[in-house]
Amino acid sequence: MKHIVLKRNTTPDSTILISRHRHDYVTHINANGETYMVDGGTDYLRRNVNTEPFEEQSIYTDALV
């Protein structure tokens, strides 16, 4: 079973959103007017869905091999 080591997304305007712990709810209003969010830190994966996609950059334990 793989685990999240770092929760990170990049929005279309290149803003990096990082959720560092379980209830670290991070938001950003992008240049396109949409709000992007990440939550859950290394405990669970939670993010919103937008019409313009974001870049998933989370790192999992299986990537550390």
N, C-alpha and C. Protein backbone atom coordinates (compact mmCIF):
# COMPACT_ATOMS: atom_id res chain seq x y z
N MET A 1 0.84 -1.18 0.00
CA MET A 1 0.00 0.00 0.00
C MET A 1 0.89 1.25 0.00
N LYS A 2 0.62 2.17 -0.92
CA LYS A 2 1.42 3.38 -0.96
C LYS A 2 0.80 4.47 -0.10
N HIS A 3 1.64 5.35 0.42
CA HIS A 3 1.21 6.45 1.28
C HIS A 3 1.67 7.78 0.69
N ILE A 4 0.95 8.83 1.00
CA ILE A 4 1.30 10.17 0.52
C ILE A 4 2.45 10.70 1.37
N VAL A 5 3.51 11.17 0.72
CA VAL A 5 4.64 11.78 1.41
C VAL A 5 4.53 13.30 1.34
N LEU A 6 4.05 13.82 0.20
CA LEU A 6 3.88 15.26 0.00
C LEU A 6 2.66 15.49 -0.86
N LYS A 7 1.73 16.33 -0.40
CA LYS A 7 0.51 16.68 -1.16
C LYS A 7 0.75 18.03 -1.81
N ARG A 8 0.81 18.04 -3.16
CA ARG A 8 1.13 19.28 -3.87
C ARG A 8 0.44 19.29 -5.23
N ASN A 9 -0.18 20.42 -5.56
CA ASN A 9 -0.80 20.64 -6.88
C ASN A 9 -0.33 21.99 -7.40
N THR A 10 -0.25 22.12 -8.72
CA THR A 10 0.07 23.39 -9.35
C THR A 10 -1.13 23.84 -10.17
N THR A 11 -1.56 25.09 -9.97
CA THR A 11 -2.71 25.64 -10.68
C THR A 11 -2.28 26.13 -12.06
N PRO A 12 -3.23 26.43 -12.95
CA PRO A 12 -2.87 26.91 -14.29
C PRO A 12 -2.01 28.18 -14.30
N ASP A 13 -2.08 29.03 -13.24
CA ASP A 13 -1.23 30.22 -13.21
C ASP A 13 0.10 29.95 -12.48
N SER A 14 0.44 28.67 -12.32
CA SER A 14 1.72 28.19 -11.76
C SER A 14 1.86 28.39 -10.25
N THR A 15 0.76 28.60 -9.54
CA THR A 15 0.81 28.66 -8.08
C THR A 15 0.85 27.24 -7.54
N ILE A 16 1.76 26.97 -6.62
CA ILE A 16 1.89 25.66 -6.01
C ILE A 16 1.13 25.66 -4.69
N LEU A 17 0.19 24.71 -4.55
CA LEU A 17 -0.58 24.56 -3.33
C LEU A 17 -0.08 23.32 -2.60
N ILE A 18 0.28 23.46 -1.33
CA ILE A 18 0.78 22.34 -0.53
C ILE A 18 -0.06 22.22 0.73
N SER A 19 -0.59 21.03 0.98
CA SER A 19 -1.29 20.73 2.23
C SER A 19 -0.32 19.94 3.10
N ARG A 20 0.06 20.50 4.24
CA ARG A 20 1.13 19.92 5.06
C ARG A 20 0.67 18.96 6.15
N HIS A 21 -0.58 19.05 6.58
CA HIS A 21 -1.07 18.14 7.61
C HIS A 21 -2.56 17.85 7.40
N ARG A 22 -3.10 16.97 8.18
CA ARG A 22 -4.45 16.40 7.99
C ARG A 22 -5.54 17.43 7.70
N HIS A 23 -5.62 18.50 8.44
CA HIS A 23 -6.69 19.48 8.25
C HIS A 23 -6.13 20.82 7.74
N ASP A 24 -5.11 20.76 6.91
CA ASP A 24 -4.51 21.96 6.31
C ASP A 24 -5.21 22.23 4.98
N TYR A 25 -6.32 22.97 5.05
CA TYR A 25 -7.16 23.28 3.88
C TYR A 25 -6.58 24.54 3.23
N VAL A 26 -5.99 24.39 2.04
CA VAL A 26 -5.32 25.49 1.35
C VAL A 26 -6.09 25.85 0.08
N THR A 27 -6.38 27.15 -0.10
CA THR A 27 -7.10 27.60 -1.30
C THR A 27 -6.32 28.69 -2.01
N HIS A 28 -6.65 28.86 -3.30
CA HIS A 28 -6.04 29.90 -4.13
C HIS A 28 -7.03 30.28 -5.21
N ILE A 29 -7.25 31.59 -5.40
CA ILE A 29 -8.07 32.05 -6.52
C ILE A 29 -7.12 32.28 -7.69
N ASN A 30 -7.28 31.47 -8.71
CA ASN A 30 -6.40 31.48 -9.87
C ASN A 30 -6.68 32.69 -10.76
N ALA A 31 -5.76 32.99 -11.66
CA ALA A 31 -5.92 34.09 -12.61
C ALA A 31 -7.15 33.90 -13.50
N ASN A 32 -7.61 32.65 -13.67
CA ASN A 32 -8.80 32.37 -14.47
C ASN A 32 -10.09 32.61 -13.67
N GLY A 33 -9.97 33.04 -12.40
CA GLY A 33 -11.12 33.33 -11.56
C GLY A 33 -11.65 32.15 -10.78
N GLU A 34 -11.11 30.96 -10.99
CA GLU A 34 -11.56 29.78 -10.28
C GLU A 34 -10.76 29.58 -8.99
N THR A 35 -11.41 28.99 -7.99
CA THR A 35 -10.74 28.68 -6.73
C THR A 35 -10.27 27.24 -6.75
N TYR A 36 -9.01 27.04 -6.42
CA TYR A 36 -8.41 25.71 -6.34
C TYR A 36 -8.10 25.43 -4.88
N MET A 37 -8.19 24.16 -4.47
CA MET A 37 -7.92 23.80 -3.08
C MET A 37 -7.30 22.42 -2.99
N VAL A 38 -6.54 22.23 -1.90
CA VAL A 38 -6.03 20.92 -1.51
C VAL A 38 -6.24 20.78 0.00
N ASP A 39 -6.35 19.56 0.47
CA ASP A 39 -6.58 19.30 1.89
C ASP A 39 -6.12 17.88 2.19
N GLY A 40 -5.83 17.61 3.44
CA GLY A 40 -5.55 16.25 3.87
C GLY A 40 -4.11 15.94 4.19
N GLY A 41 -3.19 16.82 3.82
CA GLY A 41 -1.78 16.56 4.11
C GLY A 41 -1.35 15.21 3.60
N THR A 42 -0.70 14.45 4.47
CA THR A 42 -0.23 13.12 4.08
C THR A 42 -1.22 12.03 4.50
N ASP A 43 -2.40 12.42 5.03
CA ASP A 43 -3.37 11.43 5.50
C ASP A 43 -4.37 11.00 4.44
N TYR A 44 -4.85 11.93 3.64
CA TYR A 44 -5.84 11.58 2.61
C TYR A 44 -5.77 12.59 1.46
N LEU A 45 -6.32 12.21 0.32
CA LEU A 45 -6.28 13.02 -0.89
C LEU A 45 -7.62 13.71 -1.07
N ARG A 46 -7.61 15.05 -1.02
CA ARG A 46 -8.83 15.82 -1.25
C ARG A 46 -8.46 17.08 -2.02
N ARG A 47 -9.17 17.30 -3.11
CA ARG A 47 -8.98 18.51 -3.92
C ARG A 47 -10.26 18.78 -4.67
N ASN A 48 -10.43 19.99 -5.17
CA ASN A 48 -11.65 20.32 -5.92
C ASN A 48 -11.44 20.05 -7.41
N VAL A 49 -12.52 20.08 -8.15
CA VAL A 49 -12.48 19.84 -9.59
C VAL A 49 -12.85 21.14 -10.29
N ASN A 50 -12.05 21.56 -11.24
CA ASN A 50 -12.28 22.81 -11.97
C ASN A 50 -12.35 22.53 -13.46
N THR A 51 -12.85 23.53 -14.21
CA THR A 51 -12.91 23.36 -15.66
C THR A 51 -11.52 23.37 -16.28
N GLU A 52 -10.60 24.16 -15.71
CA GLU A 52 -9.21 24.14 -16.18
C GLU A 52 -8.43 23.22 -15.25
N PRO A 53 -7.76 22.22 -15.79
CA PRO A 53 -7.08 21.24 -14.95
C PRO A 53 -5.86 21.82 -14.22
N PHE A 54 -5.52 21.18 -13.12
CA PHE A 54 -4.32 21.50 -12.36
C PHE A 54 -3.31 20.39 -12.61
N GLU A 55 -2.09 20.61 -12.19
CA GLU A 55 -1.05 19.59 -12.33
C GLU A 55 -0.85 18.91 -10.98
N GLU A 56 -1.11 17.63 -10.93
CA GLU A 56 -0.91 16.85 -9.71
C GLU A 56 0.57 16.60 -9.52
N GLN A 57 1.13 17.00 -8.37
CA GLN A 57 2.55 16.82 -8.10
C GLN A 57 2.80 16.13 -6.76
N SER A 58 1.79 15.43 -6.25
CA SER A 58 1.96 14.74 -4.98
C SER A 58 3.01 13.63 -5.13
N ILE A 59 3.69 13.35 -4.03
CA ILE A 59 4.72 12.31 -4.02
C ILE A 59 4.26 11.20 -3.08
N TYR A 60 4.38 9.96 -3.54
CA TYR A 60 3.96 8.79 -2.77
C TYR A 60 5.18 7.94 -2.40
N THR A 61 5.04 7.10 -1.38
CA THR A 61 6.14 6.27 -0.91
C THR A 61 6.73 5.40 -1.99
N ASP A 62 5.92 4.90 -2.93
CA ASP A 62 6.46 4.03 -3.98
C ASP A 62 7.36 4.78 -4.96
N ALA A 63 7.34 6.12 -4.94
CA ALA A 63 8.20 6.92 -5.82
C ALA A 63 9.58 7.11 -5.21
N LEU A 64 9.77 6.71 -3.96
CA LEU A 64 11.04 6.92 -3.26
C LEU A 64 12.01 5.77 -3.43
N VAL A 65 11.62 4.76 -4.16
CA VAL A 65 12.46 3.57 -4.33
C VAL A 65 13.57 3.84 -5.31
